[in-house]
């Protein structure tokens, strides 16, 4: 999960992927493991905050949410 590269007399480490990619992969893996994807998605969406629901709607419609919406929750 880390990438190592020389820096000075040692090494520096950085994530191989960003946190959003890692979290999305985990969410997808859990969804794929479920026998009832529809139920999982329905429950997930029903528990979103109003702001997250609005952001999801914008993302699904192809619109880019405003930067100030990204960190709201």
Protein backbone atom coordinates (compact mmCIF):
# COMPACT_ATOMS: atom_id res chain seq x y z
CA UNK A 1 0.00 0.00 0.00
CA UNK A 2 3.06 2.23 0.17
CA UNK A 3 5.55 3.32 -2.45
CA UNK A 4 9.15 3.72 -1.33
CA UNK A 5 11.62 6.07 -3.00
CA UNK A 6 15.13 7.18 -2.08
CA UNK A 7 15.41 10.44 -0.23
CA UNK A 8 18.71 11.59 1.16
CA UNK A 9 20.39 8.70 2.95
CA UNK A 10 17.12 6.88 3.54
CA UNK A 11 13.75 6.34 1.99
CA UNK A 12 10.52 8.26 1.90
CA UNK A 13 7.17 6.49 1.78
CA UNK A 14 3.89 7.61 0.33
CA UNK A 15 0.53 5.94 -0.25
CA UNK A 16 0.28 3.95 -3.46
CA UNK A 17 -3.32 5.20 -3.83
CA UNK A 18 -5.29 8.01 -2.29
CA UNK A 19 -7.72 7.40 0.55
CA UNK A 20 -10.79 7.92 -1.64
CA UNK A 21 -9.68 5.15 -4.03
CA UNK A 22 -9.00 2.78 -1.16
CA UNK A 23 -12.37 3.48 0.47
CA UNK A 24 -14.23 3.10 -2.84
CA UNK A 25 -12.56 -0.27 -3.41
CA UNK A 26 -13.62 -1.44 0.05
CA UNK A 27 -17.19 -0.27 -0.53
CA UNK A 28 -17.32 -2.02 -3.92
CA UNK A 29 -15.91 -5.22 -2.40
CA UNK A 30 -18.57 -5.23 0.33
CA UNK A 31 -21.31 -4.59 -2.20
CA UNK A 32 -20.10 -7.40 -4.45
CA UNK A 33 -20.04 -9.80 -1.49
CA UNK A 34 -23.71 -9.15 -0.72
CA UNK A 35 -26.34 -11.52 -2.07
CA UNK A 36 -28.80 -8.59 -2.33
CA UNK A 37 -27.09 -5.57 -3.88
CA UNK A 38 -30.37 -3.70 -4.22
CA UNK A 39 -31.09 -3.95 -0.50
CA UNK A 40 -27.58 -2.82 0.41
CA UNK A 41 -27.71 0.16 -1.94
CA UNK A 42 -31.21 1.09 -0.77
CA UNK A 43 -30.15 1.00 2.87
CA UNK A 44 -26.99 2.97 2.14
CA UNK A 45 -28.88 5.69 0.29
CA UNK A 46 -31.63 5.86 2.92
CA UNK A 47 -29.04 6.61 5.60
CA UNK A 48 -27.24 9.41 3.73
CA UNK A 49 -27.39 12.92 5.08
CA UNK A 50 -29.30 15.43 2.95
CA UNK A 51 -26.00 16.98 1.84
CA UNK A 52 -24.49 13.61 0.88
CA UNK A 53 -27.66 12.64 -0.95
CA UNK A 54 -27.51 15.89 -2.93
CA UNK A 55 -23.82 15.29 -3.72
CA UNK A 56 -24.54 11.72 -4.88
CA UNK A 57 -27.33 12.99 -7.11
CA UNK A 58 -24.98 15.56 -8.68
CA UNK A 59 -22.29 12.93 -9.24
CA UNK A 60 -24.75 10.49 -10.82
CA UNK A 61 -26.06 13.20 -13.12
CA UNK A 62 -22.54 13.97 -14.32
CA UNK A 63 -22.31 17.32 -12.59
CA UNK A 64 -19.27 18.20 -10.52
CA UNK A 65 -20.24 19.17 -6.95
CA UNK A 66 -18.98 22.52 -5.76
CA UNK A 67 -15.77 22.21 -3.70
CA UNK A 68 -17.50 23.52 -0.57
CA UNK A 69 -19.98 20.61 -0.80
CA UNK A 70 -17.23 17.96 -0.75
CA UNK A 71 -16.32 18.39 2.90
CA UNK A 72 -19.82 19.00 4.18
CA UNK A 73 -21.45 16.22 6.05
